[in-house]
Amino acid sequence: LSRALRESGRELPVYFGNRNWHPYAEDAVTEMARDGVRRALVF
């Protein structure tokens, strides 16, 4: 997905988080906050 977004002209980093096991969604969103992400789409 990261590659396809770049090829479509969108430089959107893709993060990964889970409901039930590592990497947990809580950790992924915390990382996003520390990276300065302000608004993201969730697939």
All heavy atoms as atom14 arrays in JSON, in Angstrom:
{
  "sequence": "LSRALRESGRELPVYFGNRNWHPYAEDAVTEMARDGVRRALVF",
  "atom14_mask": [
    [1, 1, 1, 1, 1, 1, 1, 1, 0, 0, 0, 0, 0, 0],
    [1, 1, 1, 1, 1, 1, 0, 0, 0, 0, 0, 0, 0, 0],
    [1, 1, 1, 1, 1, 1, 1, 1, 1, 1, 1, 0, 0, 0],
    [1, 1, 1, 1, 1, 0, 0, 0, 0, 0, 0, 0, 0, 0],
    [1, 1, 1, 1, 1, 1, 1, 1, 0, 0, 0, 0, 0, 0],
    [1, 1, 1, 1, 1, 1, 1, 1, 1, 1, 1, 0, 0, 0],
    [1, 1, 1, 1, 1, 1, 1, 1, 1, 0, 0, 0, 0, 0],
    [1, 1, 1, 1, 1, 1, 0, 0, 0, 0, 0, 0, 0, 0],
    [1, 1, 1, 1, 0, 0, 0, 0, 0, 0, 0, 0, 0, 0],
    [1, 1, 1, 1, 1, 1, 1, 1, 1, 1, 1, 0, 0, 0],
    [1, 1, 1, 1, 1, 1, 1, 1, 1, 0, 0, 0, 0, 0],
    [1, 1, 1, 1, 1, 1, 1, 1, 0, 0, 0, 0, 0, 0],
    [1, 1, 1, 1, 1, 1, 1, 0, 0, 0, 0, 0, 0, 0],
    [1, 1, 1, 1, 1, 1, 1, 0, 0, 0, 0, 0, 0, 0],
    [1, 1, 1, 1, 1, 1, 1, 1, 1, 1, 1, 1, 0, 0],
    [1, 1, 1, 1, 1, 1, 1, 1, 1, 1, 1, 0, 0, 0],
    [1, 1, 1, 1, 0, 0, 0, 0, 0, 0, 0, 0, 0, 0],
    [1, 1, 1, 1, 1, 1, 1, 1, 0, 0, 0, 0, 0, 0],
    [1, 1, 1, 1, 1, 1, 1, 1, 1, 1, 1, 0, 0, 0],
    [1, 1, 1, 1, 1, 1, 1, 1, 0, 0, 0, 0, 0, 0],
    [1, 1, 1, 1, 1, 1, 1, 1, 1, 1, 1, 1, 1, 1],
    [1, 1, 1, 1, 1, 1, 1, 1, 1, 1, 0, 0, 0, 0],
    [1, 1, 1, 1, 1, 1, 1, 0, 0, 0, 0, 0, 0, 0],
    [1, 1, 1, 1, 1, 1, 1, 1, 1, 1, 1, 1, 0, 0],
    [1, 1, 1, 1, 1, 0, 0, 0, 0, 0, 0, 0, 0, 0],
    [1, 1, 1, 1, 1, 1, 1, 1, 1, 0, 0, 0, 0, 0],
    [1, 1, 1, 1, 1, 1, 1, 1, 0, 0, 0, 0, 0, 0],
    [1, 1, 1, 1, 1, 0, 0, 0, 0, 0, 0, 0, 0, 0],
    [1, 1, 1, 1, 1, 1, 1, 0, 0, 0, 0, 0, 0, 0],
    [1, 1, 1, 1, 1, 1, 1, 0, 0, 0, 0, 0, 0, 0],
    [1, 1, 1, 1, 1, 1, 1, 1, 1, 0, 0, 0, 0, 0],
    [1, 1, 1, 1, 1, 1, 1, 1, 0, 0, 0, 0, 0, 0],
    [1, 1, 1, 1, 1, 0, 0, 0, 0, 0, 0, 0, 0, 0],
    [1, 1, 1, 1, 1, 1, 1, 1, 1, 1, 1, 0, 0, 0],
    [1, 1, 1, 1, 1, 1, 1, 1, 0, 0, 0, 0, 0, 0],
    [1, 1, 1, 1, 0, 0, 0, 0, 0, 0, 0, 0, 0, 0],
    [1, 1, 1, 1, 1, 1, 1, 0, 0, 0, 0, 0, 0, 0],
    [1, 1, 1, 1, 1, 1, 1, 1, 1, 1, 1, 0, 0, 0],
    [1, 1, 1, 1, 1, 1, 1, 1, 1, 1, 1, 0, 0, 0],
    [1, 1, 1, 1, 1, 0, 0, 0, 0, 0, 0, 0, 0, 0],
    [1, 1, 1, 1, 1, 1, 1, 1, 0, 0, 0, 0, 0, 0],
    [1, 1, 1, 1, 1, 1, 1, 0, 0, 0, 0, 0, 0, 0],
    [1, 1, 1, 1, 1, 1, 1, 1, 1, 1, 1, 0, 0, 0]
  ],
  "atom14_positions": [
    [[0.82, -1.2, 0.0], [0.0, 0.0, 0.0], [0.87, 1.26, 0.0], [0.55, 2.24, -0.7], [-0.93, -0.02, 1.21], [-1.87, 1.19, 1.36], [-2.75, 1.37, 0.13], [-2.73, 1.02, 2.62], [0.0, 0.0, 0.0], [0.0, 0.0, 0.0], [0.0, 0.0, 0.0], [0.0, 0.0, 0.0], [0.0, 0.0, 0.0], [0.0, 0.0, 0.0]],
    [[1.95, 1.25, 0.76], [2.87, 2.4, 0.77], [3.39, 2.67, -0.63], [3.42, 3.82, -1.1], [4.03, 2.14, 1.72], [3.59, 1.97, 3.05], [0.0, 0.0, 0.0], [0.0, 0.0, 0.0], [0.0, 0.0, 0.0], [0.0, 0.0, 0.0], [0.0, 0.0, 0.0], [0.0, 0.0, 0.0], [0.0, 0.0, 0.0], [0.0, 0.0, 0.0]],
    [[3.79, 1.6, -1.32], [4.31, 1.74, -2.67], [3.22, 2.24, -3.63], [3.47, 3.14, -4.46], [4.88, 0.42, -3.16], [5.49, 0.46, -4.55], [6.23, -0.81, -4.88], [5.4, -2.0, -4.73], [5.53, -2.88, -3.73], [6.43, -2.69, -2.79], [4.75, -3.93, -3.68], [0.0, 0.0, 0.0], [0.0, 0.0, 0.0], [0.0, 0.0, 0.0]],
    [[2.02, 1.67, -3.52], [0.93, 2.07, -4.42], [0.53, 3.52, -4.19], [0.21, 4.24, -5.15], [-0.27, 1.15, -4.22], [0.0, 0.0, 0.0], [0.0, 0.0, 0.0], [0.0, 0.0, 0.0], [0.0, 0.0, 0.0], [0.0, 0.0, 0.0], [0.0, 0.0, 0.0], [0.0, 0.0, 0.0], [0.0, 0.0, 0.0], [0.0, 0.0, 0.0]],
    [[0.54, 3.97, -2.96], [0.21, 5.37, -2.68], [1.26, 6.3, -3.28], [0.92, 7.34, -3.86], [0.08, 5.59, -1.18], [-1.18, 5.01, -0.52], [-1.05, 5.03, 0.99], [-2.43, 5.77, -0.96], [0.0, 0.0, 0.0], [0.0, 0.0, 0.0], [0.0, 0.0, 0.0], [0.0, 0.0, 0.0], [0.0, 0.0, 0.0], [0.0, 0.0, 0.0]],
    [[2.54, 5.93, -3.15], [3.6, 6.74, -3.75], [3.43, 6.81, -5.26], [3.56, 7.89, -5.87], [4.98, 6.17, -3.41], [5.44, 6.44, -2.0], [6.93, 6.18, -1.85], [7.3, 4.84, -2.28], [7.3, 3.78, -1.48], [6.92, 3.9, -0.22], [7.68, 2.6, -1.94], [0.0, 0.0, 0.0], [0.0, 0.0, 0.0], [0.0, 0.0, 0.0]],
    [[3.14, 5.67, -5.86], [3.0, 5.63, -7.32], [1.79, 6.42, -7.79], [1.76, 6.88, -8.94], [2.89, 4.17, -7.79], [4.2, 3.4, -7.63], [4.07, 1.92, -7.92], [2.92, 1.46, -8.12], [5.11, 1.23, -7.95], [0.0, 0.0, 0.0], [0.0, 0.0, 0.0], [0.0, 0.0, 0.0], [0.0, 0.0, 0.0], [0.0, 0.0, 0.0]],
    [[0.8, 6.59, -6.9], [-0.37, 7.4, -7.26], [-0.15, 8.87, -6.97], [-1.06, 9.69, -7.16], [-1.6, 6.91, -6.49], [-1.52, 7.25, -5.11], [0.0, 0.0, 0.0], [0.0, 0.0, 0.0], [0.0, 0.0, 0.0], [0.0, 0.0, 0.0], [0.0, 0.0, 0.0], [0.0, 0.0, 0.0], [0.0, 0.0, 0.0], [0.0, 0.0, 0.0]],
    [[1.05, 9.22, -6.49], [1.38, 10.61, -6.22], [1.07, 11.06, -4.81], [1.05, 12.27, -4.53], [0.0, 0.0, 0.0], [0.0, 0.0, 0.0], [0.0, 0.0, 0.0], [0.0, 0.0, 0.0], [0.0, 0.0, 0.0], [0.0, 0.0, 0.0], [0.0, 0.0, 0.0], [0.0, 0.0, 0.0], [0.0, 0.0, 0.0], [0.0, 0.0, 0.0]],
    [[0.86, 10.11, -3.88], [0.52, 10.46, -2.49], [1.61, 9.95, -1.55], [1.81, 8.75, -1.42], [-0.82, 9.86, -2.09], [-1.92, 10.29, -3.02], [-3.28, 9.82, -2.56], [-4.24, 10.15, -3.59], [-4.7, 11.35, -3.84], [-4.29, 12.35, -3.09], [-5.55, 11.57, -4.81], [0.0, 0.0, 0.0], [0.0, 0.0, 0.0], [0.0, 0.0, 0.0]],
    [[2.27, 10.86, -0.91], [3.29, 10.5, 0.08], [2.64, 10.4, 1.45], [2.75, 11.29, 2.29], [4.43, 11.52, 0.07], [5.27, 11.49, -1.2], [6.06, 10.2, -1.35], [6.32, 9.53, -0.32], [6.4, 9.85, -2.49], [0.0, 0.0, 0.0], [0.0, 0.0, 0.0], [0.0, 0.0, 0.0], [0.0, 0.0, 0.0], [0.0, 0.0, 0.0]],
    [[1.91, 9.3, 1.67], [1.22, 9.08, 2.94], [1.87, 7.9, 3.65], [1.78, 6.77, 3.15], [-0.28, 8.8, 2.72], [-1.11, 9.91, 2.11], [-2.54, 9.42, 1.89], [-1.12, 11.14, 3.01], [0.0, 0.0, 0.0], [0.0, 0.0, 0.0], [0.0, 0.0, 0.0], [0.0, 0.0, 0.0], [0.0, 0.0, 0.0], [0.0, 0.0, 0.0]],
    [[2.54, 8.11, 4.77], [3.08, 6.96, 5.5], [1.96, 6.05, 5.97], [0.87, 6.52, 6.32], [3.82, 7.61, 6.68], [3.18, 8.94, 6.84], [2.75, 9.38, 5.48], [0.0, 0.0, 0.0], [0.0, 0.0, 0.0], [0.0, 0.0, 0.0], [0.0, 0.0, 0.0], [0.0, 0.0, 0.0], [0.0, 0.0, 0.0], [0.0, 0.0, 0.0]],
    [[2.24, 4.75, 5.99], [1.24, 3.76, 6.41], [1.7, 3.13, 7.72], [2.78, 2.53, 7.78], [1.03, 2.68, 5.33], [-0.05, 1.7, 5.78], [0.64, 3.32, 4.0], [0.0, 0.0, 0.0], [0.0, 0.0, 0.0], [0.0, 0.0, 0.0], [0.0, 0.0, 0.0], [0.0, 0.0, 0.0], [0.0, 0.0, 0.0], [0.0, 0.0, 0.0]],
    [[0.89, 3.27, 8.76], [1.16, 2.69, 10.06], [0.32, 1.41, 10.21], [-0.65, 1.19, 9.48], [0.81, 3.67, 11.18], [1.67, 4.92, 11.19], [1.42, 5.98, 10.32], [2.73, 5.05, 12.1], [2.2, 7.13, 10.33], [3.51, 6.2, 12.13], [3.24, 7.23, 11.24], [4.01, 8.37, 11.26], [0.0, 0.0, 0.0], [0.0, 0.0, 0.0]],
    [[0.68, 0.59, 11.19], [0.04, -0.71, 11.36], [-0.24, -0.95, 12.83], [0.67, -0.87, 13.66], [0.95, -1.8, 10.78], [0.53, -3.22, 11.07], [-0.8, -3.6, 11.14], [1.5, -4.2, 11.26], [-1.17, -4.91, 11.4], [1.16, -5.52, 11.52], [-0.19, -5.87, 11.59], [0.0, 0.0, 0.0], [0.0, 0.0, 0.0], [0.0, 0.0, 0.0]],
    [[-1.5, -1.24, 13.17], [-1.87, -1.55, 14.54], [-2.98, -2.59, 14.6], [-3.79, -2.7, 13.67], [0.0, 0.0, 0.0], [0.0, 0.0, 0.0], [0.0, 0.0, 0.0], [0.0, 0.0, 0.0], [0.0, 0.0, 0.0], [0.0, 0.0, 0.0], [0.0, 0.0, 0.0], [0.0, 0.0, 0.0], [0.0, 0.0, 0.0], [0.0, 0.0, 0.0]],
    [[-3.0, -3.36, 15.7], [-3.97, -4.44, 15.88], [-4.87, -4.21, 17.09], [-4.52, -3.49, 18.02], [-3.24, -5.77, 16.11], [-2.56, -6.3, 14.87], [-3.12, -6.25, 13.78], [-1.34, -6.81, 15.03], [0.0, 0.0, 0.0], [0.0, 0.0, 0.0], [0.0, 0.0, 0.0], [0.0, 0.0, 0.0], [0.0, 0.0, 0.0], [0.0, 0.0, 0.0]],
    [[-5.98, -4.92, 17.08], [-6.9, -4.92, 18.21], [-6.41, -5.82, 19.33], [-6.5, -5.45, 20.51], [-8.29, -5.41, 17.75], [-9.3, -5.59, 18.88], [-10.59, -6.2, 18.36], [-11.16, -5.36, 17.31], [-12.06, -5.78, 16.42], [-12.47, -7.03, 16.45], [-12.53, -4.96, 15.5], [0.0, 0.0, 0.0], [0.0, 0.0, 0.0], [0.0, 0.0, 0.0]],
    [[-5.89, -6.99, 19.0], [-5.7, -8.04, 20.0], [-4.26, -8.45, 20.28], [-4.02, -9.26, 21.16], [-6.48, -9.29, 19.59], [-7.98, -9.07, 19.61], [-8.54, -8.75, 20.65], [-8.61, -9.24, 18.46], [0.0, 0.0, 0.0], [0.0, 0.0, 0.0], [0.0, 0.0, 0.0], [0.0, 0.0, 0.0], [0.0, 0.0, 0.0], [0.0, 0.0, 0.0]],
    [[-3.28, -7.94, 19.5], [-1.91, -8.36, 19.76], [-0.95, -7.36, 19.13], [-1.34, -6.48, 18.38], [-1.65, -9.77, 19.22], [-0.5, -10.44, 19.91], [0.7, -10.8, 19.38], [-0.42, -10.8, 21.3], [1.51, -11.38, 20.34], [0.83, -11.38, 21.53], [-1.31, -10.67, 22.38], [1.25, -11.84, 22.78], [-0.91, -11.14, 23.63], [0.36, -11.72, 23.82]],
    [[0.31, -7.49, 19.45], [1.34, -6.58, 18.96], [1.44, -6.66, 17.44], [1.39, -7.76, 16.89], [2.69, -6.95, 19.59], [2.66, -7.04, 21.09], [2.72, -5.94, 21.9], [2.57, -8.12, 21.91], [2.67, -6.33, 23.18], [2.58, -7.65, 23.2], [0.0, 0.0, 0.0], [0.0, 0.0, 0.0], [0.0, 0.0, 0.0], [0.0, 0.0, 0.0]],
    [[1.67, -5.53, 16.8], [1.69, -4.17, 17.33], [0.27, -3.68, 17.61], [-0.59, -3.73, 16.74], [2.33, -3.35, 16.21], [1.96, -4.1, 14.96], [1.94, -5.55, 15.34], [0.0, 0.0, 0.0], [0.0, 0.0, 0.0], [0.0, 0.0, 0.0], [0.0, 0.0, 0.0], [0.0, 0.0, 0.0], [0.0, 0.0, 0.0], [0.0, 0.0, 0.0]],
    [[0.01, -3.24, 18.83], [-1.32, -2.79, 19.22], [-1.65, -1.44, 18.57], [-0.77, -0.62, 18.31], [-1.41, -2.65, 20.73], [-1.57, -3.95, 21.47], [-0.52, -4.49, 22.2], [-2.77, -4.64, 21.43], [-0.65, -5.69, 22.88], [-2.92, -5.85, 22.11], [-1.86, -6.37, 22.83], [-2.0, -7.56, 23.49], [0.0, 0.0, 0.0], [0.0, 0.0, 0.0]],
    [[-2.95, -1.24, 18.35], [-3.4, 0.02, 17.78], [-3.02, 1.2, 18.66], [-2.67, 2.28, 18.16], [-4.92, -0.01, 17.58], [0.0, 0.0, 0.0], [0.0, 0.0, 0.0], [0.0, 0.0, 0.0], [0.0, 0.0, 0.0], [0.0, 0.0, 0.0], [0.0, 0.0, 0.0], [0.0, 0.0, 0.0], [0.0, 0.0, 0.0], [0.0, 0.0, 0.0]],
    [[-3.07, 1.02, 19.99], [-2.69, 2.1, 20.9], [-1.25, 2.56, 20.66], [-0.96, 3.76, 20.69], [-2.85, 1.63, 22.35], [-4.28, 1.37, 22.78], [-4.73, -0.06, 22.55], [-4.2, -0.72, 21.62], [-5.62, -0.53, 23.28], [0.0, 0.0, 0.0], [0.0, 0.0, 0.0], [0.0, 0.0, 0.0], [0.0, 0.0, 0.0], [0.0, 0.0, 0.0]],
    [[-0.37, 1.59, 20.41], [1.04, 1.94, 20.17], [1.21, 2.61, 18.82], [2.01, 3.55, 18.67], [1.91, 0.69, 20.26], [1.86, 0.05, 21.65], [1.66, 0.79, 22.64], [2.02, -1.18, 21.74], [0.0, 0.0, 0.0], [0.0, 0.0, 0.0], [0.0, 0.0, 0.0], [0.0, 0.0, 0.0], [0.0, 0.0, 0.0], [0.0, 0.0, 0.0]],
    [[0.47, 2.13, 17.82], [0.58, 2.73, 16.49], [0.11, 4.18, 16.5], [0.75, 5.07, 15.92], [-0.23, 1.92, 15.49], [0.0, 0.0, 0.0], [0.0, 0.0, 0.0], [0.0, 0.0, 0.0], [0.0, 0.0, 0.0], [0.0, 0.0, 0.0], [0.0, 0.0, 0.0], [0.0, 0.0, 0.0], [0.0, 0.0, 0.0], [0.0, 0.0, 0.0]],
    [[-1.02, 4.44, 17.16], [-1.54, 5.81, 17.18], [-0.66, 6.72, 18.03], [-0.47, 7.9, 17.71], [-3.01, 5.81, 17.66], [-3.55, 7.24, 17.76], [-3.88, 5.01, 16.68], [0.0, 0.0, 0.0], [0.0, 0.0, 0.0], [0.0, 0.0, 0.0], [0.0, 0.0, 0.0], [0.0, 0.0, 0.0], [0.0, 0.0, 0.0], [0.0, 0.0, 0.0]],
    [[-0.07, 6.18, 19.1], [0.9, 6.95, 19.88], [2.1, 7.34, 19.02], [2.57, 8.48, 19.04], [1.36, 6.14, 21.1], [0.25, 5.89, 21.95], [2.43, 6.89, 21.88], [0.0, 0.0, 0.0], [0.0, 0.0, 0.0], [0.0, 0.0, 0.0], [0.0, 0.0, 0.0], [0.0, 0.0, 0.0], [0.0, 0.0, 0.0], [0.0, 0.0, 0.0]],
    [[2.59, 6.39, 18.22], [3.7, 6.68, 17.31], [3.3, 7.76, 16.3], [4.09, 8.67, 16.0], [4.11, 5.4, 16.57], [5.27, 5.59, 15.62], [5.6, 4.34, 14.84], [4.9, 3.31, 15.01], [6.55, 4.38, 14.03], [0.0, 0.0, 0.0], [0.0, 0.0, 0.0], [0.0, 0.0, 0.0], [0.0, 0.0, 0.0], [0.0, 0.0, 0.0]],
    [[2.08, 7.68, 15.8], [1.6, 8.68, 14.85], [1.59, 10.06, 15.49], [2.01, 11.06, 14.88], [0.2, 8.3, 14.36], [0.16, 7.02, 13.53], [-1.51, 6.37, 13.31], [-2.12, 7.47, 12.05], [0.0, 0.0, 0.0], [0.0, 0.0, 0.0], [0.0, 0.0, 0.0], [0.0, 0.0, 0.0], [0.0, 0.0, 0.0], [0.0, 0.0, 0.0]],
    [[1.12, 10.13, 16.73], [1.09, 11.42, 17.43], [2.5, 11.97, 17.6], [2.74, 13.17, 17.38], [0.4, 11.26, 18.79], [0.0, 0.0, 0.0], [0.0, 0.0, 0.0], [0.0, 0.0, 0.0], [0.0, 0.0, 0.0], [0.0, 0.0, 0.0], [0.0, 0.0, 0.0], [0.0, 0.0, 0.0], [0.0, 0.0, 0.0], [0.0, 0.0, 0.0]],
    [[3.44, 11.13, 17.98], [4.83, 11.58, 18.17], [5.47, 11.99, 16.85], [6.39, 12.82, 16.84], [5.62, 10.48, 18.85], [5.24, 10.3, 20.33], [5.91, 9.11, 20.98], [5.6, 9.07, 22.41], [5.62, 7.97, 23.15], [5.93, 6.8, 22.59], [5.32, 8.01, 24.44], [0.0, 0.0, 0.0], [0.0, 0.0, 0.0], [0.0, 0.0, 0.0]],
    [[5.0, 11.4, 15.74], [5.53, 11.76, 14.43], [4.88, 13.02, 13.86], [5.23, 13.44, 12.75], [5.32, 10.61, 13.45], [6.23, 9.42, 13.73], [7.19, 9.59, 14.51], [5.99, 8.34, 13.16], [0.0, 0.0, 0.0], [0.0, 0.0, 0.0], [0.0, 0.0, 0.0], [0.0, 0.0, 0.0], [0.0, 0.0, 0.0], [0.0, 0.0, 0.0]],
    [[3.93, 13.57, 14.59], [3.29, 14.79, 14.14], [2.12, 14.6, 13.19], [1.65, 15.56, 12.57], [0.0, 0.0, 0.0], [0.0, 0.0, 0.0], [0.0, 0.0, 0.0], [0.0, 0.0, 0.0], [0.0, 0.0, 0.0], [0.0, 0.0, 0.0], [0.0, 0.0, 0.0], [0.0, 0.0, 0.0], [0.0, 0.0, 0.0], [0.0, 0.0, 0.0]],
    [[1.6, 13.37, 13.07], [0.42, 13.13, 12.23], [-0.78, 13.82, 12.87], [-1.04, 13.66, 14.07], [0.16, 11.62, 12.07], [-1.14, 11.37, 11.32], [1.32, 10.93, 11.38], [0.0, 0.0, 0.0], [0.0, 0.0, 0.0], [0.0, 0.0, 0.0], [0.0, 0.0, 0.0], [0.0, 0.0, 0.0], [0.0, 0.0, 0.0], [0.0, 0.0, 0.0]],
    [[-1.51, 14.56, 12.08], [-2.65, 15.31, 12.59], [-4.0, 14.73, 12.17], [-4.98, 14.85, 12.88], [-2.56, 16.77, 12.14], [-1.28, 17.46, 12.61], [-1.27, 18.93, 12.27], [-2.31, 19.64, 13.01], [-2.56, 20.94, 12.88], [-1.84, 21.67, 12.03], [-3.51, 21.52, 13.59], [0.0, 0.0, 0.0], [0.0, 0.0, 0.0], [0.0, 0.0, 0.0]],
    [[-4.05, 14.12, 11.01], [-5.32, 13.57, 10.51], [-5.0, 12.4, 9.58], [-4.23, 12.55, 8.62], [-6.11, 14.63, 9.77], [-7.54, 14.2, 9.36], [-8.32, 15.43, 8.88], [-9.61, 15.1, 8.3], [-10.73, 14.95, 8.99], [-10.71, 15.07, 10.31], [-11.87, 14.68, 8.39], [0.0, 0.0, 0.0], [0.0, 0.0, 0.0], [0.0, 0.0, 0.0]],
    [[-5.59, 11.23, 9.86], [-5.25, 10.03, 9.11], [-6.5, 9.25, 8.74], [-7.53, 9.33, 9.42], [-4.3, 9.14, 9.91], [0.0, 0.0, 0.0], [0.0, 0.0, 0.0], [0.0, 0.0, 0.0], [0.0, 0.0, 0.0], [0.0, 0.0, 0.0], [0.0, 0.0, 0.0], [0.0, 0.0, 0.0], [0.0, 0.0, 0.0], [0.0, 0.0, 0.0]],
    [[-6.38, 8.5, 7.67], [-7.43, 7.57, 7.26], [-7.12, 6.2, 7.86], [-5.96, 5.82, 8.02], [-7.48, 7.47, 5.74], [-7.96, 8.74, 5.03], [-7.62, 8.67, 3.55], [-9.46, 8.94, 5.24], [0.0, 0.0, 0.0], [0.0, 0.0, 0.0], [0.0, 0.0, 0.0], [0.0, 0.0, 0.0], [0.0, 0.0, 0.0], [0.0, 0.0, 0.0]],
    [[-8.18, 5.45, 8.18], [-8.02, 4.13, 8.79], [-8.65, 3.09, 7.87], [-9.84, 3.16, 7.57], [-8.68, 4.06, 10.18], [-8.49, 2.66, 10.77], [-8.12, 5.13, 11.1], [0.0, 0.0, 0.0], [0.0, 0.0, 0.0], [0.0, 0.0, 0.0], [0.0, 0.0, 0.0], [0.0, 0.0, 0.0], [0.0, 0.0, 0.0], [0.0, 0.0, 0.0]],
    [[-7.83, 2.15, 7.42], [-8.33, 1.01, 6.66], [-8.38, -0.19, 7.59], [-7.35, -0.69, 8.02], [-7.45, 0.7, 5.45], [-7.88, -0.54, 4.71], [-9.03, -0.53, 3.94], [-7.16, -1.72, 4.82], [-9.44, -1.67, 3.27], [-7.57, -2.87, 4.16], [-8.71, -2.84, 3.39], [0.0, 0.0, 0.0], [0.0, 0.0, 0.0], [0.0, 0.0, 0.0]]
  ]
}
